[in-house]
Amino acid sequence: MMRKGTMIVLAAALVLLLAVIGGCGGGQTDEAATPPATGDATQLAETHDCDGGCGMKAVPLDKLTEINGKFYCAGCAAKAKTEESAEHPHG
């Protein structure tokens, strides 16, 4: 009788262990490790003023292009690249 009770407990423990491992491996670990984004997170995005002549202020860095240590919007970046290639025609 003791063996049958032990086997039932062991089987139940094994099923529980598999359920825990299966639940953790469901691809949710990345979401669980990353806290949900709040409104404050988007407000803390790094911004910079365009160094070109357009006057754009507080542009997110992912929308700017860095050329020679300065940050330009798309329109000013095209002008800066043209001016740079005119100054250094050989590359």
Protein backbone atom coordinates (compact mmCIF):
# COMPACT_ATOMS: atom_id res chain seq x y z
CA MET A 1 0.00 0.00 0.00
CA MET A 2 2.80 2.36 0.80
CA ARG A 3 4.28 1.94 -2.66
CA LYS A 4 1.02 2.77 -4.41
CA GLY A 5 0.59 6.00 -2.37
CA THR A 6 4.20 6.99 -3.01
CA MET A 7 3.79 6.39 -6.74
CA ILE A 8 0.67 8.57 -6.83
CA VAL A 9 2.43 11.41 -5.00
CA LEU A 10 5.47 11.06 -7.25
CA ALA A 11 3.30 11.10 -10.39
CA ALA A 12 1.42 14.17 -9.15
CA ALA A 13 4.70 15.95 -8.42
CA LEU A 14 5.97 15.10 -11.90
CA VAL A 15 2.80 16.44 -13.54
CA LEU A 16 3.03 19.62 -11.47
CA LEU A 17 6.70 20.06 -12.39
CA LEU A 18 5.93 19.64 -16.09
CA ALA A 19 3.08 22.14 -15.83
CA VAL A 20 5.37 24.73 -14.23
CA ILE A 21 8.14 24.19 -16.77
CA GLY A 22 5.67 24.26 -19.66
CA GLY A 23 4.07 27.45 -18.36
CA CYS A 24 7.40 29.23 -18.02
CA GLY A 25 8.61 28.20 -21.47
CA GLY A 26 5.59 29.60 -23.29
CA GLY A 27 7.41 32.66 -24.62
CA GLN A 28 5.99 34.89 -21.91
CA THR A 29 9.27 35.29 -20.06
CA ASP A 30 10.24 38.34 -22.15
CA GLU A 31 6.95 40.06 -21.38
CA ALA A 32 7.19 39.15 -17.71
CA ALA A 33 10.73 40.52 -17.46
CA THR A 34 9.81 43.79 -19.19
CA PRO A 35 7.43 46.02 -17.24
CA PRO A 36 4.53 47.43 -19.24
CA ALA A 37 5.21 50.76 -20.89
CA THR A 38 3.64 53.77 -19.27
CA GLY A 39 3.04 57.26 -20.59
CA ASP A 40 6.18 58.45 -18.79
CA ALA A 41 8.42 56.13 -20.82
CA THR A 42 7.58 57.84 -24.09
CA GLN A 43 8.10 61.25 -22.57
CA LEU A 44 11.66 60.31 -21.60
CA ALA A 45 12.72 59.62 -25.21
CA GLU A 46 15.89 61.49 -26.02
CA THR A 47 15.39 64.45 -28.32
CA HIS A 48 17.67 66.95 -30.03
CA ASP A 49 17.26 70.11 -32.06
CA CYS A 50 18.09 69.91 -35.77
CA ASP A 51 21.51 71.46 -36.41
CA GLY A 52 20.42 72.49 -39.91
CA GLY A 53 18.70 75.75 -40.74
CA CYS A 54 15.10 74.50 -40.58
CA GLY A 55 14.48 75.40 -36.93
CA MET A 56 13.02 72.04 -35.81
CA LYS A 57 13.19 71.61 -32.03
CA ALA A 58 13.01 68.53 -29.78
CA VAL A 59 13.08 65.96 -32.58
CA PRO A 60 13.39 62.31 -31.40
CA LEU A 61 16.88 60.99 -32.09
CA ASP A 62 15.53 58.06 -34.10
CA LYS A 63 14.21 60.60 -36.64
CA LEU A 64 17.57 62.41 -36.96
CA THR A 65 20.73 61.60 -38.89
CA GLU A 66 24.13 62.22 -37.31
CA ILE A 67 26.72 63.73 -39.64
CA ASN A 68 30.09 64.82 -38.25
CA GLY A 69 28.73 64.91 -34.69
CA LYS A 70 25.72 67.05 -35.55
CA PHE A 71 22.10 65.92 -35.81
CA TYR A 72 19.98 66.73 -38.86
CA CYS A 73 16.37 66.08 -39.88
CA ALA A 74 15.81 64.29 -43.19
CA GLY A 75 15.71 67.48 -45.28
CA CYS A 76 18.73 69.08 -43.66
CA ALA A 77 20.66 65.78 -43.72
CA ALA A 78 20.33 65.66 -47.51
CA LYS A 79 21.67 69.22 -47.74
CA ALA A 80 24.51 68.46 -45.30
CA LYS A 81 25.54 65.35 -47.27
CA THR A 82 25.51 67.36 -50.51
CA GLU A 83 27.63 70.10 -48.96
CA GLU A 84 30.02 67.54 -47.46
CA SER A 85 30.49 65.77 -50.80
CA ALA A 86 31.12 69.16 -52.48
CA GLU A 87 33.83 69.94 -49.89
CA HIS A 88 35.43 66.49 -50.21
CA PRO A 89 34.90 65.42 -53.83
CA HIS A 90 37.36 62.51 -53.65
CA GLY A 91 35.62 60.73 -50.89
